[in-house]
Amino acid sequence: MQVIRHTDIEKDFKSLKRFPTPKESLEAWERLFCLKGLRETPGIDPFPGFGQHKIFKARVVPLGENCGKSKGYRLIFQLLENEINIILVFSRHGIYNNEQELIDLIKNRIQNTA
């Protein structure tokens, strides 16, 4: 299992700068995901509505904070061929005004990876 990040993930980190450990939380999730895979990593669900693209959403526990996955980070990734996954969006609840704004961002980043 290989995980790569979309080039715009750094923009996501800038919007999360008020939180203590977004990069470390993402790195910990990436290690867990590479070890366990898609089926055994907890908190991963399909994200429907993207046609032929296999998009998933995951909940990431924030390190160094006293809260669980529900108040943690949101991760959107795409399953590509040969067990390669690209992280498209790394965010937190409340960063986007509504679900449609997030969906539009995902579609834009999918087009930029093709």
C-alpha atoms as a PDB file:
ATOM      1  CA  MET A   1       0.000   0.000   0.000  1.00  0.00           C
ATOM      2  CA  GLN A   2       1.490   3.313  -1.073  1.00  0.00           C
ATOM      3  CA  VAL A   3       0.214   6.744  -0.020  1.00  0.00           C
ATOM      4  CA  ILE A   4       1.086   9.978  -1.814  1.00  0.00           C
ATOM      5  CA  ARG A   5      -0.180  13.492  -1.153  1.00  0.00           C
ATOM      6  CA  HIS A   6      -1.765  15.890  -3.608  1.00  0.00           C
ATOM      7  CA  THR A   7       0.384  18.970  -4.145  1.00  0.00           C
ATOM      8  CA  ASP A   8      -2.308  21.201  -2.601  1.00  0.00           C
ATOM      9  CA  ILE A   9      -2.182  19.445   0.791  1.00  0.00           C
ATOM     10  CA  GLU A  10       0.211  22.179   1.957  1.00  0.00           C
ATOM     11  CA  LYS A  11      -2.656  24.673   1.464  1.00  0.00           C
ATOM     12  CA  ASP A  12      -4.780  22.492   3.734  1.00  0.00           C
ATOM     13  CA  PHE A  13      -2.094  22.616   6.419  1.00  0.00           C
ATOM     14  CA  LYS A  14      -2.133  26.427   6.282  1.00  0.00           C
ATOM     15  CA  SER A  15      -5.871  26.460   7.027  1.00  0.00           C
ATOM     16  CA  LEU A  16      -5.224  24.136   9.989  1.00  0.00           C
ATOM     17  CA  LYS A  17      -2.405  26.172  11.552  1.00  0.00           C
ATOM     18  CA  ARG A  18      -4.463  26.992  14.666  1.00  0.00           C
ATOM     19  CA  PHE A  19      -4.509  23.297  15.602  1.00  0.00           C
ATOM     20  CA  PRO A  20      -1.488  21.803  17.371  1.00  0.00           C
ATOM     21  CA  THR A  21      -0.437  18.774  15.293  1.00  0.00           C
ATOM     22  CA  PRO A  22      -2.068  18.383  11.864  1.00  0.00           C
ATOM     23  CA  LYS A  23       1.076  17.149  10.074  1.00  0.00           C
ATOM     24  CA  GLU A  24       1.951  14.670  12.793  1.00  0.00           C
ATOM     25  CA  SER A  25      -1.641  13.374  12.872  1.00  0.00           C
ATOM     26  CA  LEU A  26      -1.613  12.839   9.106  1.00  0.00           C
ATOM     27  CA  GLU A  27       1.771  11.090   9.208  1.00  0.00           C
ATOM     28  CA  ALA A  28       0.548   8.743  11.971  1.00  0.00           C
ATOM     29  CA  TRP A  29      -2.569   7.905   9.923  1.00  0.00           C
ATOM     30  CA  GLU A  30      -0.446   7.256   6.811  1.00  0.00           C
ATOM     31  CA  ARG A  31       1.734   4.787   8.748  1.00  0.00           C
ATOM     32  CA  LEU A  32      -1.340   2.997  10.108  1.00  0.00           C
ATOM     33  CA  PHE A  33      -2.979   2.877   6.678  1.00  0.00           C
ATOM     34  CA  CYS A  34       0.149   1.463   5.007  1.00  0.00           C
ATOM     35  CA  LEU A  35       0.340  -1.204   7.706  1.00  0.00           C
ATOM     36  CA  LYS A  36      -3.340  -2.186   7.876  1.00  0.00           C
ATOM     37  CA  GLY A  37      -4.680  -1.355   4.413  1.00  0.00           C
ATOM     38  CA  LEU A  38      -8.069  -0.136   3.244  1.00  0.00           C
ATOM     39  CA  ARG A  39     -10.216  -2.814   4.875  1.00  0.00           C
ATOM     40  CA  GLU A  40      -8.604  -2.931   8.315  1.00  0.00           C
ATOM     41  CA  THR A  41      -7.948   0.765   8.984  1.00  0.00           C
ATOM     42  CA  PRO A  42     -10.766   2.067  11.213  1.00  0.00           C
ATOM     43  CA  GLY A  43     -12.882   5.056  10.256  1.00  0.00           C
ATOM     44  CA  ILE A  44     -12.824   4.715   6.439  1.00  0.00           C
ATOM     45  CA  ASP A  45     -16.012   4.904   4.359  1.00  0.00           C
ATOM     46  CA  PRO A  46     -16.726   5.265   0.629  1.00  0.00           C
ATOM     47  CA  PHE A  47     -17.510   8.815  -0.506  1.00  0.00           C
ATOM     48  CA  PRO A  48     -20.161   8.408  -3.248  1.00  0.00           C
ATOM     49  CA  GLY A  49     -20.892  10.793  -6.089  1.00  0.00           C
ATOM     50  CA  PHE A  50     -17.646  10.829  -8.047  1.00  0.00           C
ATOM     51  CA  GLY A  51     -18.507   8.438 -10.880  1.00  0.00           C
ATOM     52  CA  GLN A  52     -15.699   6.081 -11.848  1.00  0.00           C
ATOM     53  CA  HIS A  53     -13.285   7.526  -9.277  1.00  0.00           C
ATOM     54  CA  LYS A  54     -12.903   5.475  -6.096  1.00  0.00           C
ATOM     55  CA  ILE A  55     -13.030   8.143  -3.400  1.00  0.00           C
ATOM     56  CA  PHE A  56     -12.974   7.426   0.326  1.00  0.00           C
ATOM     57  CA  LYS A  57     -13.294   9.557   3.428  1.00  0.00           C
ATOM     58  CA  ALA A  58     -11.487   8.819   6.660  1.00  0.00           C
ATOM     59  CA  ARG A  59     -11.523  10.185  10.162  1.00  0.00           C
ATOM     60  CA  VAL A  60      -8.151  10.905  11.741  1.00  0.00           C
ATOM     61  CA  VAL A  61      -7.586  11.182  15.495  1.00  0.00           C
ATOM     62  CA  PRO A  62      -5.765  14.439  16.300  1.00  0.00           C
ATOM     63  CA  LEU A  63      -2.556  13.775  18.195  1.00  0.00           C
ATOM     64  CA  GLY A  64      -1.926  15.851  21.298  1.00  0.00           C
ATOM     65  CA  GLU A  65      -5.573  16.807  21.742  1.00  0.00           C
ATOM     66  CA  ASN A  66      -8.094  15.382  24.115  1.00  0.00           C
ATOM     67  CA  CYS A  67     -10.768  14.416  21.589  1.00  0.00           C
ATOM     68  CA  GLY A  68     -11.663  11.458  19.413  1.00  0.00           C
ATOM     69  CA  LYS A  69     -12.178  10.871  15.710  1.00  0.00           C
ATOM     70  CA  SER A  70     -15.544  12.645  15.576  1.00  0.00           C
ATOM     71  CA  LYS A  71     -13.940  15.996  16.475  1.00  0.00           C
ATOM     72  CA  GLY A  72     -10.755  15.237  14.583  1.00  0.00           C
ATOM     73  CA  TYR A  73      -9.475  15.660  11.058  1.00  0.00           C
ATOM     74  CA  ARG A  74     -11.177  14.615   7.832  1.00  0.00           C
ATOM     75  CA  LEU A  75      -9.192  12.982   5.087  1.00  0.00           C
ATOM     76  CA  ILE A  76     -10.390  12.434   1.528  1.00  0.00           C
ATOM     77  CA  PHE A  77      -8.358  10.105  -0.670  1.00  0.00           C
ATOM     78  CA  GLN A  78      -8.580   8.401  -4.028  1.00  0.00           C
ATOM     79  CA  LEU A  79      -7.716   4.764  -4.659  1.00  0.00           C
ATOM     80  CA  LEU A  80      -5.666   4.509  -7.838  1.00  0.00           C
ATOM     81  CA  GLU A  81      -4.283   1.434  -9.562  1.00  0.00           C
ATOM     82  CA  ASN A  82      -1.831  -1.006  -7.956  1.00  0.00           C
ATOM     83  CA  GLU A  83      -2.697  -0.075  -4.357  1.00  0.00           C
ATOM     84  CA  ILE A  84      -1.594   3.532  -4.792  1.00  0.00           C
ATOM     85  CA  ASN A  85      -3.647   6.084  -2.856  1.00  0.00           C
ATOM     86  CA  ILE A  86      -3.503   9.847  -3.246  1.00  0.00           C
ATOM     87  CA  ILE A  87      -4.625  12.072  -0.401  1.00  0.00           C
ATOM     88  CA  LEU A  88      -6.774  14.803  -1.952  1.00  0.00           C
ATOM     89  CA  VAL A  89      -8.007  16.819   1.045  1.00  0.00           C
ATOM     90  CA  PHE A  90      -6.962  17.047   4.707  1.00  0.00           C
ATOM     91  CA  SER A  91      -9.300  19.177   6.766  1.00  0.00           C
ATOM     92  CA  ARG A  92     -11.234  19.548   9.961  1.00  0.00           C
ATOM     93  CA  HIS A  93     -14.948  19.923  10.664  1.00  0.00           C
ATOM     94  CA  GLY A  94     -15.989  23.544  10.254  1.00  0.00           C
ATOM     95  CA  ILE A  95     -13.258  24.582   7.784  1.00  0.00           C
ATOM     96  CA  TYR A  96     -15.688  24.441   4.847  1.00  0.00           C
ATOM     97  CA  ASN A  97     -19.000  26.313   4.852  1.00  0.00           C
ATOM     98  CA  ASN A  98     -20.967  23.387   3.448  1.00  0.00           C
ATOM     99  CA  GLU A  99     -20.612  19.920   1.944  1.00  0.00           C
ATOM    100  CA  GLN A 100     -20.897  21.208  -1.637  1.00  0.00           C
ATOM    101  CA  GLU A 101     -17.815  23.399  -1.175  1.00  0.00           C
ATOM    102  CA  LEU A 102     -15.841  20.318  -0.130  1.00  0.00           C
ATOM    103  CA  ILE A 103     -17.190  18.252  -3.057  1.00  0.00           C
ATOM    104  CA  ASP A 104     -16.215  20.989  -5.519  1.00  0.00           C
ATOM    105  CA  LEU A 105     -12.701  21.080  -4.047  1.00  0.00           C
ATOM    106  CA  ILE A 106     -12.386  17.293  -4.373  1.00  0.00           C
ATOM    107  CA  LYS A 107     -13.533  17.370  -8.012  1.00  0.00           C
ATOM    108  CA  ASN A 108     -11.051  20.149  -8.761  1.00  0.00           C
ATOM    109  CA  ARG A 109      -8.159  18.209  -7.221  1.00  0.00           C
ATOM    110  CA  ILE A 110      -9.150  15.005  -9.054  1.00  0.00           C
ATOM    111  CA  GLN A 111      -8.931  16.908 -12.342  1.00  0.00           C
ATOM    112  CA  ASN A 112      -5.514  18.279 -11.391  1.00  0.00           C
ATOM    113  CA  THR A 113      -4.135  14.769 -10.741  1.00  0.00           C
ATOM    114  CA  ALA A 114      -5.281  13.342 -14.086  1.00  0.00           C
END
